[in-house]
N, C-alpha and C. Protein backbone atom coordinates (compact mmCIF):
# COMPACT_ATOMS: atom_id res chain seq x y z
N MET A 1 46.85 18.43 -26.09
CA MET A 1 45.88 18.49 -26.81
C MET A 1 45.04 17.65 -27.86
N LYS A 2 44.27 18.56 -28.15
CA LYS A 2 42.85 17.46 -28.94
C LYS A 2 43.06 17.48 -30.19
N ARG A 3 42.68 16.13 -30.98
CA ARG A 3 42.66 15.65 -31.57
C ARG A 3 41.30 15.72 -32.31
N PRO A 4 41.98 15.63 -33.69
CA PRO A 4 40.77 16.46 -34.57
C PRO A 4 39.97 14.79 -34.38
N ALA A 5 37.93 14.82 -34.43
CA ALA A 5 37.60 13.62 -34.42
C ALA A 5 37.87 12.83 -35.64
N ARG A 6 38.10 11.22 -35.70
CA ARG A 6 37.44 10.77 -36.80
C ARG A 6 36.29 10.26 -38.37
N ARG A 7 36.18 11.24 -38.48
CA ARG A 7 34.82 10.18 -39.70
C ARG A 7 33.66 9.38 -39.09
N GLY A 8 34.66 8.08 -37.74
CA GLY A 8 33.45 7.70 -36.96
C GLY A 8 33.37 7.88 -36.04
N GLU A 9 33.67 8.34 -35.45
CA GLU A 9 33.07 8.96 -34.32
C GLU A 9 32.56 9.66 -33.96
N ARG A 10 31.91 10.67 -34.29
CA ARG A 10 31.77 12.28 -34.58
C ARG A 10 30.44 11.35 -33.65
N GLY A 11 29.60 10.66 -34.09
CA GLY A 11 28.43 10.65 -32.52
C GLY A 11 28.65 10.17 -31.66
N GLN A 12 29.46 9.70 -31.25
CA GLN A 12 29.79 8.59 -30.66
C GLN A 12 29.54 9.04 -29.32
N ALA A 13 29.37 10.29 -28.93
CA ALA A 13 29.78 11.33 -27.38
C ALA A 13 28.09 11.72 -27.21
N LEU A 14 27.48 11.81 -27.97
CA LEU A 14 25.86 11.09 -28.03
C LEU A 14 25.33 10.46 -27.82
N ALA A 15 25.33 9.45 -28.37
CA ALA A 15 25.10 7.90 -28.63
C ALA A 15 25.22 7.66 -26.75
N GLU A 16 26.89 7.89 -26.01
CA GLU A 16 26.98 7.80 -24.90
C GLU A 16 26.15 8.48 -24.01
N THR A 17 25.93 9.13 -24.51
CA THR A 17 25.51 10.53 -23.89
C THR A 17 23.11 9.83 -23.31
N GLY A 18 23.33 9.23 -24.93
CA GLY A 18 21.48 9.07 -25.21
C GLY A 18 21.07 7.69 -23.88
N ILE A 19 22.03 7.06 -24.22
CA ILE A 19 22.37 5.58 -23.69
C ILE A 19 22.17 5.34 -21.79
N VAL A 20 23.04 6.73 -21.90
CA VAL A 20 23.30 6.65 -19.97
C VAL A 20 22.03 7.79 -19.15
N LEU A 21 21.54 8.88 -20.79
CA LEU A 21 20.19 9.50 -19.77
C LEU A 21 19.28 8.65 -20.02
N VAL A 22 19.04 7.59 -20.17
CA VAL A 22 17.90 7.16 -19.83
C VAL A 22 18.48 5.58 -19.52
N ILE A 23 19.32 5.28 -19.09
CA ILE A 23 19.04 4.25 -17.96
C ILE A 23 18.91 5.40 -16.15
N LEU A 24 19.22 6.53 -16.66
CA LEU A 24 19.95 7.02 -14.92
C LEU A 24 18.72 7.68 -15.29
N VAL A 25 17.04 8.02 -16.47
CA VAL A 25 15.63 7.97 -15.73
C VAL A 25 15.09 6.83 -15.67
N MET A 26 15.54 5.53 -15.75
CA MET A 26 14.33 5.03 -15.49
C MET A 26 14.85 4.17 -14.52
N LEU A 27 16.35 4.59 -14.00
CA LEU A 27 16.70 4.15 -12.65
C LEU A 27 15.65 5.25 -11.39
N MET A 28 15.69 6.44 -12.27
CA MET A 28 14.65 7.00 -11.17
C MET A 28 14.05 7.21 -10.92
N LEU A 29 12.80 7.00 -11.79
CA LEU A 29 11.76 5.88 -11.99
C LEU A 29 11.22 5.90 -10.99
N ALA A 30 12.02 4.11 -11.44
CA ALA A 30 12.14 2.87 -10.62
C ALA A 30 12.00 3.14 -9.18
N THR A 31 13.04 4.22 -8.65
CA THR A 31 13.37 5.06 -7.39
C THR A 31 12.06 5.05 -6.19
N ILE A 32 11.48 6.24 -7.93
CA ILE A 32 10.09 6.17 -6.59
C ILE A 32 8.93 5.80 -6.98
N GLU A 33 9.17 4.88 -8.00
CA GLU A 33 7.35 4.15 -7.51
C GLU A 33 7.90 3.18 -6.04
N PHE A 34 9.14 2.74 -6.17
CA PHE A 34 9.47 1.58 -5.11
C PHE A 34 8.86 2.04 -4.09
N GLY A 35 9.07 3.35 -3.38
CA GLY A 35 9.18 4.28 -2.42
C GLY A 35 7.89 4.72 -2.26
N ARG A 36 7.01 5.01 -3.62
CA ARG A 36 5.49 5.00 -2.83
C ARG A 36 4.99 4.23 -2.91
N ALA A 37 5.11 2.43 -3.13
CA ALA A 37 4.96 1.57 -3.35
C ALA A 37 5.17 1.29 -1.76
N TRP A 38 6.27 1.51 -0.86
CA TRP A 38 6.91 1.40 0.54
C TRP A 38 5.65 1.82 1.47
N MET A 39 5.03 3.52 0.95
CA MET A 39 5.23 3.86 1.96
C MET A 39 3.47 3.54 2.00
N ILE A 40 3.29 3.06 0.01
CA ILE A 40 1.54 3.31 0.57
C ILE A 40 0.95 1.77 1.43
N SER A 41 2.07 0.55 0.70
CA SER A 41 2.15 -0.41 1.92
C SER A 41 2.25 0.26 3.96
N ASN A 42 2.83 0.69 4.14
CA ASN A 42 3.02 1.14 5.51
C ASN A 42 1.61 1.82 6.02
N MET A 43 1.91 2.51 5.51
CA MET A 43 0.38 3.16 5.73
C MET A 43 -0.93 2.44 5.82
N ILE A 44 -1.42 1.33 4.43
CA ILE A 44 -2.11 0.41 5.31
C ILE A 44 -2.35 -0.48 6.01
N THR A 45 -0.41 -0.86 5.22
CA THR A 45 -1.02 -1.71 7.26
C THR A 45 -1.48 -1.22 8.89
N HIS A 46 -0.57 -0.14 8.95
CA HIS A 46 -0.96 0.93 9.71
C HIS A 46 -2.79 1.85 10.35
N ALA A 47 -3.47 2.11 8.86
CA ALA A 47 -4.49 1.80 8.78
C ALA A 47 -5.08 0.86 10.13
N THR A 48 -4.66 -0.69 9.52
CA THR A 48 -5.41 -1.54 9.53
C THR A 48 -5.69 -2.60 11.56
N ARG A 49 -4.02 -1.27 11.72
CA ARG A 49 -3.63 -1.35 12.60
C ARG A 49 -4.00 -0.95 13.83
N ASP A 50 -4.29 0.76 13.46
CA ASP A 50 -5.21 1.06 13.74
C ASP A 50 -6.86 1.28 14.06
N GLY A 51 -7.59 -0.04 12.81
CA GLY A 51 -8.46 -0.44 13.35
C GLY A 51 -8.74 -1.76 13.66
N ALA A 52 -8.01 -2.08 13.75
CA ALA A 52 -7.65 -3.22 14.69
C ALA A 52 -7.72 -2.83 16.45
N ARG A 53 -7.34 -1.98 16.49
CA ARG A 53 -7.41 -1.15 17.99
C ARG A 53 -8.38 -1.21 18.13
N ILE A 54 -8.81 -0.44 17.08
CA ILE A 54 -10.62 0.55 17.83
C ILE A 54 -11.68 -0.84 18.05
N ALA A 55 -11.12 -1.61 17.22
CA ALA A 55 -11.83 -3.05 17.22
C ALA A 55 -12.11 -3.89 18.33
N ALA A 56 -10.85 -3.99 18.53
CA ALA A 56 -10.27 -4.78 20.61
C ALA A 56 -10.49 -4.03 21.31
N THR A 57 -10.75 -2.61 20.93
CA THR A 57 -11.61 -2.04 22.13
C THR A 57 -12.57 -1.79 22.66
N TRP A 58 -13.65 -1.52 21.60
CA TRP A 58 -15.01 -0.99 20.55
C TRP A 58 -15.83 -1.42 22.45
N PRO A 59 -16.78 0.15 23.21
CA PRO A 59 -17.02 0.06 24.23
C PRO A 59 -18.58 -0.55 24.08
N THR A 60 -19.91 -0.27 22.81
CA THR A 60 -20.55 -0.80 22.68
C THR A 60 -21.12 -2.11 22.30
N ARG A 61 -21.53 -3.21 22.81
CA ARG A 61 -21.60 -4.65 22.60
C ARG A 61 -22.91 -5.31 23.26
N THR A 62 -23.67 -5.63 21.91
CA THR A 62 -24.28 -6.26 22.37
C THR A 62 -24.36 -8.36 22.37
N GLY A 63 -24.36 -8.92 23.80
CA GLY A 63 -23.58 -9.79 23.80
C GLY A 63 -22.49 -10.20 23.14
N GLY A 64 -21.19 -9.22 24.07
CA GLY A 64 -20.45 -9.62 23.52
C GLY A 64 -19.43 -9.19 22.01
N ALA A 65 -20.69 -8.75 21.16
CA ALA A 65 -20.29 -9.46 19.87
C ALA A 65 -21.13 -7.28 19.44
N ILE A 66 -19.56 -6.89 18.50
CA ILE A 66 -19.73 -5.46 17.61
C ILE A 66 -21.38 -5.73 16.82
N SER A 67 -21.61 -5.04 16.77
CA SER A 67 -23.40 -4.64 15.67
C SER A 67 -22.32 -4.68 13.99
N SER A 68 -22.71 -5.14 13.44
CA SER A 68 -23.13 -4.69 12.01
C SER A 68 -22.29 -3.43 11.70
N SER A 69 -23.56 -2.48 12.02
CA SER A 69 -23.54 -0.41 11.84
C SER A 69 -22.30 -0.90 12.95
N ASP A 70 -20.99 -1.10 13.89
CA ASP A 70 -20.40 -0.74 14.48
C ASP A 70 -18.69 -1.22 13.27
N MET A 71 -19.53 -2.43 12.96
CA MET A 71 -17.93 -2.92 12.25
C MET A 71 -17.97 -2.10 11.10
N THR A 72 -19.60 -0.99 11.06
CA THR A 72 -19.95 0.25 9.74
C THR A 72 -19.19 0.66 9.63
N THR A 73 -19.13 1.58 10.82
CA THR A 73 -17.96 2.67 11.32
C THR A 73 -16.53 1.86 11.73
N ILE A 74 -16.08 0.80 11.91
CA ILE A 74 -14.50 0.49 11.75
C ILE A 74 -14.41 0.38 10.70
N GLN A 75 -15.18 0.15 10.35
CA GLN A 75 -14.42 -0.22 8.36
C GLN A 75 -14.24 1.20 7.74
N ASN A 76 -15.07 2.06 8.34
CA ASN A 76 -14.75 3.74 7.72
C ASN A 76 -14.27 4.32 8.09
N GLN A 77 -13.69 3.74 9.41
CA GLN A 77 -12.22 4.43 9.86
C GLN A 77 -11.23 4.41 9.34
N VAL A 78 -11.85 2.59 8.82
CA VAL A 78 -9.50 2.38 8.21
C VAL A 78 -9.42 3.06 6.48
N LEU A 79 -10.84 2.90 6.20
CA LEU A 79 -10.53 3.45 5.16
C LEU A 79 -10.80 5.26 4.44
N ASN A 80 -11.02 6.01 5.63
CA ASN A 80 -11.26 7.22 6.29
C ASN A 80 -9.53 7.25 6.12
N GLU A 81 -9.31 6.87 6.78
CA GLU A 81 -7.51 6.85 7.49
C GLU A 81 -6.59 6.66 5.74
N MET A 82 -6.49 5.58 4.92
CA MET A 82 -6.53 6.21 3.76
C MET A 82 -6.72 7.33 2.80
N MET A 83 -7.46 7.49 3.68
CA MET A 83 -8.18 8.67 1.93
C MET A 83 -7.13 9.78 2.83
N ASN A 84 -6.27 9.76 3.77
CA ASN A 84 -5.16 10.86 3.85
C ASN A 84 -4.91 10.82 2.59
N VAL A 85 -3.73 10.21 2.34
CA VAL A 85 -2.64 8.72 1.40
C VAL A 85 -2.92 9.31 -0.63
N MET A 86 -3.92 8.83 -0.30
CA MET A 86 -3.97 7.45 -1.88
C MET A 86 -5.62 8.02 -1.66
N PRO A 87 -6.52 7.81 -3.07
CA PRO A 87 -7.56 7.52 -3.51
C PRO A 87 -7.85 6.36 -2.50
N THR A 88 -9.93 5.80 -2.08
CA THR A 88 -9.95 3.88 -1.41
C THR A 88 -10.44 3.26 -2.71
N THR A 89 -11.02 4.22 -3.41
CA THR A 89 -11.75 2.95 -4.69
C THR A 89 -11.32 1.45 -4.91
N GLY A 90 -11.13 0.76 -4.79
CA GLY A 90 -11.60 -0.28 -5.30
C GLY A 90 -10.73 -1.13 -3.60
N PHE A 91 -10.74 0.25 -2.05
CA PHE A 91 -10.14 -1.07 -1.25
C PHE A 91 -11.62 -1.18 -0.32
N THR A 92 -11.77 -2.89 0.12
CA THR A 92 -12.63 -2.93 0.39
C THR A 92 -11.77 -3.78 2.67
N ALA A 93 -12.44 -3.16 3.54
CA ALA A 93 -12.10 -3.48 5.03
C ALA A 93 -13.20 -4.43 5.92
N THR A 94 -12.57 -4.83 5.69
CA THR A 94 -13.54 -6.20 7.14
C THR A 94 -13.88 -6.48 8.44
N VAL A 95 -14.64 -6.23 9.39
CA VAL A 95 -14.25 -6.60 10.27
C VAL A 95 -15.07 -8.34 11.03
N THR A 96 -13.77 -8.84 11.71
CA THR A 96 -14.46 -10.32 12.09
C THR A 96 -14.31 -10.39 13.40
N GLN A 97 -14.59 -11.03 14.33
CA GLN A 97 -14.30 -11.59 15.95
C GLN A 97 -13.77 -13.28 15.54
N PRO A 98 -13.40 -14.03 15.47
CA PRO A 98 -13.05 -15.18 15.23
C PRO A 98 -12.92 -15.77 17.08
N THR A 99 -12.57 -16.93 16.96
CA THR A 99 -11.30 -16.68 18.68
C THR A 99 -10.63 -17.92 18.12
N THR A 100 -9.16 -17.98 18.86
CA THR A 100 -8.67 -18.86 18.56
C THR A 100 -8.04 -19.69 19.77
N SER A 101 -7.93 -20.38 20.00
CA SER A 101 -7.39 -20.96 21.33
C SER A 101 -8.21 -21.23 22.19
N GLY A 102 -9.89 -20.81 21.92
CA GLY A 102 -10.50 -19.84 23.12
C GLY A 102 -10.16 -18.37 23.53
N ILE A 103 -9.45 -17.80 23.24
CA ILE A 103 -9.01 -17.31 23.01
C ILE A 103 -9.98 -15.75 22.11
N PRO A 104 -11.12 -14.95 22.58
CA PRO A 104 -11.75 -14.01 21.93
C PRO A 104 -11.03 -12.54 21.23
N MET A 105 -10.94 -12.98 19.77
CA MET A 105 -9.97 -11.88 18.88
C MET A 105 -11.30 -11.16 17.84
N VAL A 106 -9.65 -10.27 17.59
CA VAL A 106 -11.16 -8.94 16.55
C VAL A 106 -9.74 -9.09 15.14
N GLN A 107 -10.14 -8.61 13.99
CA GLN A 107 -9.63 -9.63 13.31
C GLN A 107 -10.32 -8.34 12.08
N VAL A 108 -8.99 -7.55 11.18
CA VAL A 108 -9.25 -6.73 10.94
C VAL A 108 -8.16 -7.23 9.21
N GLU A 109 -9.03 -6.88 8.09
CA GLU A 109 -8.56 -7.30 6.87
C GLU A 109 -8.78 -6.46 5.93
N VAL A 110 -7.51 -5.60 5.36
CA VAL A 110 -7.67 -4.66 3.75
C VAL A 110 -7.53 -5.00 2.38
N LYS A 111 -7.68 -4.93 1.65
CA LYS A 111 -7.70 -5.38 0.33
C LYS A 111 -7.63 -4.52 -0.32
N GLY A 112 -7.15 -5.02 -0.99
CA GLY A 112 -6.87 -4.11 -3.25
C GLY A 112 -6.08 -3.58 -3.40
N THR A 113 -6.08 -3.29 -4.12
CA THR A 113 -5.22 -3.17 -5.52
C THR A 113 -4.97 -1.16 -6.12
N VAL A 114 -3.43 -1.33 -6.31
CA VAL A 114 -2.56 0.15 -6.42
C VAL A 114 -2.72 0.60 -7.59
N SER A 115 -3.15 1.14 -8.19
CA SER A 115 -1.71 1.42 -10.03
C SER A 115 -0.39 2.17 -9.59
N TYR A 116 0.01 1.83 -10.18
CA TYR A 116 2.35 2.37 -10.45
C TYR A 116 1.65 3.49 -11.23
N LEU A 117 2.22 4.54 -10.68
CA LEU A 117 1.87 6.05 -11.10
C LEU A 117 2.78 5.47 -12.15
N PHE A 118 4.06 4.93 -12.88
CA PHE A 118 5.11 5.31 -14.39
C PHE A 118 4.57 3.53 -14.47
N ARG A 119 4.10 3.30 -15.80
CA ARG A 119 3.98 2.47 -16.01
C ARG A 119 5.91 2.20 -16.78
N LEU A 120 6.02 1.74 -16.64
CA LEU A 120 7.60 1.29 -16.81
C LEU A 120 7.43 -0.11 -18.06
N LEU A 121 6.93 -0.83 -17.98
CA LEU A 121 6.72 -2.16 -17.86
C LEU A 121 5.02 -2.58 -18.27
N PRO A 122 4.85 -2.47 -19.19
CA PRO A 122 3.15 -3.06 -19.68
C PRO A 122 2.79 -4.13 -18.65
N SER A 123 3.07 -4.66 -18.86
CA SER A 123 2.78 -5.92 -17.72
C SER A 123 2.10 -5.61 -16.67
N MET A 124 3.28 -5.12 -16.09
CA MET A 124 2.62 -4.71 -14.46
C MET A 124 2.46 -2.70 -14.63
N THR A 125 0.43 -3.10 -13.54
CA THR A 125 -0.01 -1.79 -14.29
C THR A 125 -0.89 -1.32 -12.70
N SER A 126 -0.41 -2.03 -11.81
CA SER A 126 -0.71 -2.35 -10.39
C SER A 126 -0.37 -3.16 -9.48
N PHE A 127 -0.12 -3.07 -8.72
CA PHE A 127 -0.25 -4.26 -6.90
C PHE A 127 -1.01 -4.70 -6.37
N THR A 128 -1.38 -5.41 -5.62
CA THR A 128 -2.41 -6.08 -4.96
C THR A 128 -1.84 -5.70 -3.40
N VAL A 129 -2.21 -5.26 -2.81
CA VAL A 129 -2.33 -5.36 -1.25
C VAL A 129 -3.21 -5.76 -0.98
N ASP A 130 -2.87 -6.43 0.10
CA ASP A 130 -3.79 -7.88 1.37
C ASP A 130 -3.21 -7.47 3.03
N ARG A 131 -3.83 -7.39 3.67
CA ARG A 131 -3.63 -6.56 5.63
C ARG A 131 -3.83 -6.87 6.42
N THR A 132 -3.79 -8.16 6.78
CA THR A 132 -4.49 -8.95 7.84
C THR A 132 -3.52 -8.50 9.12
N VAL A 133 -4.80 -8.06 10.48
CA VAL A 133 -4.05 -7.62 11.25
C VAL A 133 -5.15 -8.03 12.94
N THR A 134 -4.78 -9.00 14.29
CA THR A 134 -4.98 -9.65 14.29
C THR A 134 -4.87 -8.81 16.03
N PHE A 135 -5.39 -8.34 16.95
CA PHE A 135 -5.85 -8.22 18.51
C PHE A 135 -6.71 -9.17 18.94
N ARG A 136 -5.39 -9.34 20.55
CA ARG A 136 -6.92 -10.34 21.71
C ARG A 136 -8.40 -9.39 21.44
N ASP A 137 -9.14 -9.54 21.28
CA ASP A 137 -11.39 -8.32 21.69
C ASP A 137 -10.37 -8.52 23.55
N GLU A 138 -10.27 -7.09 23.59
CA GLU A 138 -10.60 -6.69 24.77
C GLU A 138 -11.50 -6.63 26.35
N LEU A 139 -12.62 -6.97 25.49
CA LEU A 139 -14.34 -6.41 25.69
C LEU A 139 -15.09 -7.46 25.50
N ARG A 140 -14.32 -8.35 25.58
CA ARG A 140 -15.87 -10.11 24.96
C ARG A 140 -14.99 -11.29 26.55
């Protein structure tokens, strides 16, 4: 048997539904944002790794070093691979050829800032991504 609602309980169910709905929507948006950030981070890591692998096996060299035009080509390759998923404005890719303990290496570094889809907190508008991959230079 259903009892009639008292005067003070009339809006209780509506208020509780509103609170629960807000919490569920915030959780859903946070989950989507986290998944997107994880995907972008992995995609940038893979693009950086692919660029380092290309640089480590780059065939045309003058005196063992990759020319600046070839480095630009490798940097563009990395940025184009990232562009398949997101706009790469504000991203930089650099290729260097350091030597570690007498071993020639190739290093590709990608830096940039990614905007959040949902600005759940006003102070959180973007996050930075900085990935560096180093491979042994196979042709030096």
